[in-house]
PDB file of N, CA and C in Angstrom:
ATOM      1  N   MET A   1      21.424 -24.207   5.187  1.00  0.00           N
ATOM      2  CA  MET A   1      19.999 -23.991   5.272  1.00  0.00           C
ATOM      3  C   MET A   1      19.711 -22.494   5.328  1.00  0.00           C
ATOM      4  N   THR A   2      18.709 -22.057   4.592  1.00  0.00           N
ATOM      5  CA  THR A   2      18.354 -20.653   4.527  1.00  0.00           C
ATOM      6  C   THR A   2      17.428 -20.293   5.678  1.00  0.00           C
ATOM      7  N   HIS A   3      17.708 -19.178   6.325  1.00  0.00           N
ATOM      8  CA  HIS A   3      16.846 -18.699   7.406  1.00  0.00           C
ATOM      9  C   HIS A   3      15.652 -17.973   6.802  1.00  0.00           C
ATOM     10  N   ARG A   4      14.451 -18.387   7.187  1.00  0.00           N
ATOM     11  CA  ARG A   4      13.232 -17.747   6.699  1.00  0.00           C
ATOM     12  C   ARG A   4      12.521 -17.086   7.867  1.00  0.00           C
ATOM     13  N   GLU A   5      11.849 -16.000   7.560  1.00  0.00           N
ATOM     14  CA  GLU A   5      11.044 -15.318   8.571  1.00  0.00           C
ATOM     15  C   GLU A   5       9.872 -16.203   8.969  1.00  0.00           C
ATOM     16  N   PRO A   6       9.449 -16.141  10.222  1.00  0.00           N
ATOM     17  CA  PRO A   6       8.269 -16.920  10.619  1.00  0.00           C
ATOM     18  C   PRO A   6       7.010 -16.373   9.933  1.00  0.00           C
ATOM     19  N   ILE A   7       6.073 -17.248   9.661  1.00  0.00           N
ATOM     20  CA  ILE A   7       4.813 -16.856   9.035  1.00  0.00           C
ATOM     21  C   ILE A   7       3.917 -16.271  10.115  1.00  0.00           C
ATOM     22  N   GLN A   8       3.475 -15.052   9.894  1.00  0.00           N
ATOM     23  CA  GLN A   8       2.609 -14.362  10.849  1.00  0.00           C
ATOM     24  C   GLN A   8       1.152 -14.608  10.484  1.00  0.00           C
ATOM     25  N   ALA A   9       0.376 -15.193  11.385  1.00  0.00           N
ATOM     26  CA  ALA A   9      -1.019 -15.553  11.105  1.00  0.00           C
ATOM     27  C   ALA A   9      -1.859 -14.356  10.688  1.00  0.00           C
ATOM     28  N   ASP A  10      -1.596 -13.173  11.258  1.00  0.00           N
ATOM     29  CA  ASP A  10      -2.428 -12.002  10.961  1.00  0.00           C
ATOM     30  C   ASP A  10      -1.889 -11.136   9.822  1.00  0.00           C
ATOM     31  N   ALA A  11      -0.808 -11.565   9.177  1.00  0.00           N
ATOM     32  CA  ALA A  11      -0.223 -10.808   8.065  1.00  0.00           C
ATOM     33  C   ALA A  11      -0.904 -11.194   6.750  1.00  0.00           C
ATOM     34  N   ILE A  12      -0.813 -10.300   5.782  1.00  0.00           N
ATOM     35  CA  ILE A  12      -1.327 -10.538   4.437  1.00  0.00           C
ATOM     36  C   ILE A  12      -0.122 -10.604   3.498  1.00  0.00           C
ATOM     37  N   TYR A  13      -0.067 -11.668   2.691  1.00  0.00           N
ATOM     38  CA  TYR A  13       1.060 -11.898   1.791  1.00  0.00           C
ATOM     39  C   TYR A  13       0.598 -11.935   0.340  1.00  0.00           C
ATOM     40  N   SER A  14       1.481 -11.542  -0.560  1.00  0.00           N
ATOM     41  CA  SER A  14       1.246 -11.723  -1.996  1.00  0.00           C
ATOM     42  C   SER A  14       1.634 -13.158  -2.343  1.00  0.00           C
ATOM     43  N   ARG A  15       1.302 -13.592  -3.544  1.00  0.00           N
ATOM     44  CA  ARG A  15       1.706 -14.936  -3.972  1.00  0.00           C
ATOM     45  C   ARG A  15       3.229 -15.062  -3.961  1.00  0.00           C
ATOM     46  N   GLU A  16       3.911 -14.013  -4.385  1.00  0.00           N
ATOM     47  CA  GLU A  16       5.367 -14.029  -4.430  1.00  0.00           C
ATOM     48  C   GLU A  16       5.955 -14.145  -3.025  1.00  0.00           C
ATOM     49  N   GLU A  17       5.387 -13.394  -2.097  1.00  0.00           N
ATOM     50  CA  GLU A  17       5.874 -13.448  -0.715  1.00  0.00           C
ATOM     51  C   GLU A  17       5.608 -14.815  -0.091  1.00  0.00           C
ATOM     52  N   ALA A  18       4.426 -15.383  -0.362  1.00  0.00           N
ATOM     53  CA  ALA A  18       4.101 -16.715   0.151  1.00  0.00           C
ATOM     54  C   ALA A  18       5.073 -17.748  -0.400  1.00  0.00           C
ATOM     55  N   ALA A  19       5.384 -17.652  -1.687  1.00  0.00           N
ATOM     56  CA  ALA A  19       6.332 -18.580  -2.304  1.00  0.00           C
ATOM     57  C   ALA A  19       7.696 -18.472  -1.627  1.00  0.00           C
ATOM     58  N   GLU A  20       8.136 -17.253  -1.372  1.00  0.00           N
ATOM     59  CA  GLU A  20       9.431 -17.042  -0.723  1.00  0.00           C
ATOM     60  C   GLU A  20       9.423 -17.598   0.701  1.00  0.00           C
ATOM     61  N   LEU A  21       8.356 -17.342   1.432  1.00  0.00           N
ATOM     62  CA  LEU A  21       8.249 -17.845   2.806  1.00  0.00           C
ATOM     63  C   LEU A  21       8.319 -19.362   2.862  1.00  0.00           C
ATOM     64  N   LEU A  22       7.665 -20.015   1.899  1.00  0.00           N
ATOM     65  CA  LEU A  22       7.613 -21.476   1.887  1.00  0.00           C
ATOM     66  C   LEU A  22       8.784 -22.121   1.157  1.00  0.00           C
ATOM     67  N   GLY A  23       9.552 -21.315   0.443  1.00  0.00           N
ATOM     68  CA  GLY A  23      10.685 -21.856  -0.298  1.00  0.00           C
ATOM     69  C   GLY A  23      10.268 -22.669  -1.509  1.00  0.00           C
ATOM     70  N   VAL A  24       9.159 -22.249  -2.142  1.00  0.00           N
ATOM     71  CA  VAL A  24       8.657 -22.927  -3.334  1.00  0.00           C
ATOM     72  C   VAL A  24       8.536 -21.916  -4.470  1.00  0.00           C
ATOM     73  N   SER A  25       8.238 -22.419  -5.665  1.00  0.00           N
ATOM     74  CA  SER A  25       8.100 -21.530  -6.818  1.00  0.00           C
ATOM     75  C   SER A  25       6.723 -20.861  -6.825  1.00  0.00           C
ATOM     76  N   LEU A  26       6.614 -19.805  -7.582  1.00  0.00           N
ATOM     77  CA  LEU A  26       5.340 -19.112  -7.746  1.00  0.00           C
ATOM     78  C   LEU A  26       4.314 -20.037  -8.392  1.00  0.00           C
ATOM     79  N   SER A  27       4.758 -20.879  -9.327  1.00  0.00           N
ATOM     80  CA  SER A  27       3.824 -21.808  -9.969  1.00  0.00           C
ATOM     81  C   SER A  27       3.280 -22.818  -8.962  1.00  0.00           C
ATOM     82  N   THR A  28       4.065 -23.206  -7.973  1.00  0.00           N
ATOM     83  CA  THR A  28       3.570 -24.107  -6.930  1.00  0.00           C
ATOM     84  C   THR A  28       2.487 -23.417  -6.111  1.00  0.00           C
ATOM     85  N   ILE A  29       2.685 -22.163  -5.778  1.00  0.00           N
ATOM     86  CA  ILE A  29       1.668 -21.410  -5.036  1.00  0.00           C
ATOM     87  C   ILE A  29       0.390 -21.336  -5.859  1.00  0.00           C
ATOM     88  N   LYS A  30       0.510 -21.056  -7.154  1.00  0.00           N
ATOM     89  CA  LYS A  30      -0.664 -20.994  -8.024  1.00  0.00           C
ATOM     90  C   LYS A  30      -1.397 -22.329  -8.052  1.00  0.00           C
ATOM     91  N   ARG A  31      -0.644 -23.429  -8.116  1.00  0.00           N
ATOM     92  CA  ARG A  31      -1.268 -24.770  -8.111  1.00  0.00           C
ATOM     93  C   ARG A  31      -1.975 -25.050  -6.791  1.00  0.00           C
ATOM     94  N   LEU A  32      -1.365 -24.668  -5.678  1.00  0.00           N
ATOM     95  CA  LEU A  32      -1.989 -24.872  -4.364  1.00  0.00           C
ATOM     96  C   LEU A  32      -3.304 -24.099  -4.256  1.00  0.00           C
ATOM     97  N   ILE A  33      -3.332 -22.889  -4.804  1.00  0.00           N
ATOM     98  CA  ILE A  33      -4.552 -22.074  -4.784  1.00  0.00           C
ATOM     99  C   ILE A  33      -5.612 -22.721  -5.675  1.00  0.00           C
ATOM    100  N   THR A  34      -5.229 -23.103  -6.883  1.00  0.00           N
ATOM    101  CA  THR A  34      -6.161 -23.723  -7.834  1.00  0.00           C
ATOM    102  C   THR A  34      -6.735 -25.023  -7.271  1.00  0.00           C
ATOM    103  N   ALA A  35      -5.911 -25.800  -6.576  1.00  0.00           N
ATOM    104  CA  ALA A  35      -6.342 -27.077  -6.000  1.00  0.00           C
ATOM    105  C   ALA A  35      -7.191 -26.896  -4.752  1.00  0.00           C
ATOM    106  N   GLY A  36      -7.279 -25.659  -4.262  1.00  0.00           N
ATOM    107  CA  GLY A  36      -8.074 -25.403  -3.062  1.00  0.00           C
ATOM    108  C   GLY A  36      -7.346 -25.717  -1.771  1.00  0.00           C
ATOM    109  N   GLN A  37      -6.047 -25.996  -1.849  1.00  0.00           N
ATOM    110  CA  GLN A  37      -5.272 -26.293  -0.647  1.00  0.00           C
ATOM    111  C   GLN A  37      -4.812 -25.031   0.069  1.00  0.00           C
ATOM    112  N   LEU A  38      -4.714 -23.937  -0.662  1.00  0.00           N
ATOM    113  CA  LEU A  38      -4.291 -22.659  -0.089  1.00  0.00           C
ATOM    114  C   LEU A  38      -5.355 -21.622  -0.427  1.00  0.00           C
ATOM    115  N   GLU A  39      -5.946 -21.052   0.604  1.00  0.00           N
ATOM    116  CA  GLU A  39      -7.017 -20.078   0.420  1.00  0.00           C
ATOM    117  C   GLU A  39      -6.430 -18.698   0.107  1.00  0.00           C
ATOM    118  N   ALA A  40      -6.984 -18.062  -0.902  1.00  0.00           N
ATOM    119  CA  ALA A  40      -6.526 -16.736  -1.310  1.00  0.00           C
ATOM    120  C   ALA A  40      -7.736 -15.868  -1.635  1.00  0.00           C
ATOM    121  N   SER A  41      -7.534 -14.554  -1.626  1.00  0.00           N
ATOM    122  CA  SER A  41      -8.616 -13.614  -1.915  1.00  0.00           C
ATOM    123  C   SER A  41      -8.193 -12.651  -3.007  1.00  0.00           C
ATOM    124  N   ARG A  42      -9.171 -12.259  -3.826  1.00  0.00           N
ATOM    125  CA  ARG A  42      -8.929 -11.221  -4.823  1.00  0.00           C
ATOM    126  C   ARG A  42     -10.177 -10.348  -4.842  1.00  0.00           C
ATOM    127  N   PRO A  43     -10.109  -9.183  -4.187  1.00  0.00           N
ATOM    128  CA  PRO A  43     -11.262  -8.276  -4.183  1.00  0.00           C
ATOM    129  C   PRO A  43     -11.609  -7.811  -5.596  1.00  0.00           C
ATOM    130  N   ASP A  44     -12.883  -7.504  -5.800  1.00  0.00           N
ATOM    131  CA  ASP A  44     -13.331  -6.989  -7.096  1.00  0.00           C
ATOM    132  C   ASP A  44     -12.499  -5.786  -7.510  1.00  0.00           C
ATOM    133  N   SER A  45     -12.213  -5.698  -8.775  1.00  0.00           N
ATOM    134  CA  SER A  45     -11.484  -4.604  -9.427  1.00  0.00           C
ATOM    135  C   SER A  45     -10.015  -4.485  -9.007  1.00  0.00           C
ATOM    136  N   ILE A  46      -9.484  -5.516  -8.346  1.00  0.00           N
ATOM    137  CA  ILE A  46      -8.064  -5.519  -7.981  1.00  0.00           C
ATOM    138  C   ILE A  46      -7.435  -6.769  -8.578  1.00  0.00           C
ATOM    139  N   ARG A  47      -6.331  -6.606  -9.265  1.00  0.00           N
ATOM    140  CA  ARG A  47      -5.656  -7.759  -9.878  1.00  0.00           C
ATOM    141  C   ARG A  47      -4.866  -8.571  -8.864  1.00  0.00           C
ATOM    142  N   ARG A  48      -4.418  -7.924  -7.821  1.00  0.00           N
ATOM    143  CA  ARG A  48      -3.543  -8.554  -6.841  1.00  0.00           C
ATOM    144  C   ARG A  48      -4.288  -9.601  -6.016  1.00  0.00           C
ATOM    145  N   ILE A  49      -3.615 -10.694  -5.708  1.00  0.00           N
ATOM    146  CA  ILE A  49      -4.181 -11.754  -4.886  1.00  0.00           C
ATOM    147  C   ILE A  49      -3.558 -11.660  -3.496  1.00  0.00           C
ATOM    148  N   PHE A  50      -4.401 -11.804  -2.487  1.00  0.00           N
ATOM    149  CA  PHE A  50      -3.968 -11.714  -1.100  1.00  0.00           C
ATOM    150  C   PHE A  50      -4.079 -13.080  -0.426  1.00  0.00           C
ATOM    151  N   ILE A  51      -3.082 -13.413   0.381  1.00  0.00           N
ATOM    152  CA  ILE A  51      -3.071 -14.681   1.106  1.00  0.00           C
ATOM    153  C   ILE A  51      -2.818 -14.365   2.575  1.00  0.00           C
ATOM    154  N   LYS A  52      -3.733 -14.779   3.443  1.00  0.00           N
ATOM    155  CA  LYS A  52      -3.544 -14.566   4.874  1.00  0.00           C
ATOM    156  C   LYS A  52      -2.499 -15.542   5.395  1.00  0.00           C
ATOM    157  N   GLY A  53      -1.703 -15.076   6.313  1.00  0.00           N
ATOM    158  CA  GLY A  53      -0.739 -15.960   6.952  1.00  0.00           C
ATOM    159  C   GLY A  53      -1.424 -17.153   7.591  1.00  0.00           C
ATOM    160  N   SER A  54      -2.614 -16.926   8.158  1.00  0.00           N
ATOM    161  CA  SER A  54      -3.352 -18.027   8.784  1.00  0.00           C
ATOM    162  C   SER A  54      -3.727 -19.089   7.761  1.00  0.00           C
ATOM    163  N   SER A  55      -3.970 -18.694   6.507  1.00  0.00           N
ATOM    164  CA  SER A  55      -4.281 -19.649   5.449  1.00  0.00           C
ATOM    165  C   SER A  55      -3.064 -20.518   5.135  1.00  0.00           C
ATOM    166  N   ILE A  56      -1.883 -19.914   5.124  1.00  0.00           N
ATOM    167  CA  ILE A  56      -0.655 -20.670   4.882  1.00  0.00           C
ATOM    168  C   ILE A  56      -0.430 -21.664   6.020  1.00  0.00           C
ATOM    169  N   LEU A  57      -0.587 -21.199   7.253  1.00  0.00           N
ATOM    170  CA  LEU A  57      -0.392 -22.070   8.406  1.00  0.00           C
ATOM    171  C   LEU A  57      -1.412 -23.202   8.426  1.00  0.00           C
ATOM    172  N   HIS A  58      -2.648 -22.908   8.057  1.00  0.00           N
ATOM    173  CA  HIS A  58      -3.702 -23.920   8.006  1.00  0.00           C
ATOM    174  C   HIS A  58      -3.364 -24.985   6.952  1.00  0.00           C
ATOM    175  N   MET A  59      -2.905 -24.546   5.782  1.00  0.00           N
ATOM    176  CA  MET A  59      -2.522 -25.480   4.725  1.00  0.00           C
ATOM    177  C   MET A  59      -1.389 -26.383   5.201  1.00  0.00           C
ATOM    178  N   LEU A  60      -0.421 -25.825   5.893  1.00  0.00           N
ATOM    179  CA  LEU A  60       0.691 -26.630   6.398  1.00  0.00           C
ATOM    180  C   LEU A  60       0.213 -27.650   7.425  1.00  0.00           C
ATOM    181  N   GLU A  61      -0.697 -27.250   8.289  1.00  0.00           N
ATOM    182  CA  GLU A  61      -1.238 -28.158   9.301  1.00  0.00           C
ATOM    183  C   GLU A  61      -2.058 -29.276   8.656  1.00  0.00           C
ATOM    184  N   ASP A  62      -2.870 -28.916   7.659  1.00  0.00           N
ATOM    185  CA  ASP A  62      -3.721 -29.903   6.974  1.00  0.00           C
ATOM    186  C   ASP A  62      -2.922 -30.925   6.174  1.00  0.00           C
ATOM    187  N   THR A  63      -1.744 -30.560   5.742  1.00  0.00           N
ATOM    188  CA  THR A  63      -0.951 -31.450   4.905  1.00  0.00           C
ATOM    189  C   THR A  63       0.237 -32.054   5.656  1.00  0.00           C
ATOM    190  N   LYS A  64       0.215 -31.930   6.978  1.00  0.00           N
ATOM    191  CA  LYS A  64       1.311 -32.438   7.805  1.00  0.00           C
ATOM    192  C   LYS A  64       1.443 -33.952   7.644  1.00  0.00           C
ATOM    193  N   ILE A  65       2.646 -34.408   7.514  1.00  0.00           N
ATOM    194  CA  ILE A  65       2.933 -35.830   7.370  1.00  0.00           C
ATOM    195  C   ILE A  65       3.174 -36.400   8.762  1.00  0.00           C
ATOM    196  N   GLY A  66       2.444 -37.464   9.080  1.00  0.00           N
ATOM    197  CA  GLY A  66       2.579 -38.091  10.393  1.00  0.00           C
ATOM    198  C   GLY A  66       3.811 -38.968  10.473  1.00  0.00           C
ATOM    199  N   VAL A  67       4.285 -39.165  11.668  1.00  0.00           N
ATOM    200  CA  VAL A  67       5.433 -40.021  11.904  1.00  0.00           C
ATOM    201  C   VAL A  67       4.940 -41.446  12.060  1.00  0.00           C
ATOM    202  N   ARG A  68       5.523 -42.354  11.297  1.00  0.00           N
ATOM    203  CA  ARG A  68       5.145 -43.765  11.393  1.00  0.00           C
ATOM    204  C   ARG A  68       5.967 -44.427  12.484  1.00  0.00           C
ATOM    205  N   ARG A  69       5.316 -45.295  13.214  1.00  0.00           N
ATOM    206  CA  ARG A  69       6.019 -46.006  14.299  1.00  0.00           C
ATOM    207  C   ARG A  69       6.017 -47.461  14.007  1.00  0.00           C
TER     208      ARG A  69
END
């Protein structure tokens, strides 16, 4: 198992960094953003997309799978 850094709620991540943190592909991150499951920002006149750590944590909480009993 690969050791990953913890997601910091107050940090700002690029799409590439978010993909690495979650262990998914960049295309998966793009799909999550397009589907509205992962909130991202792109300020005017900047090509780069920013993702708050809190947005990643919120997406993980919203999509948590419950344990069946």
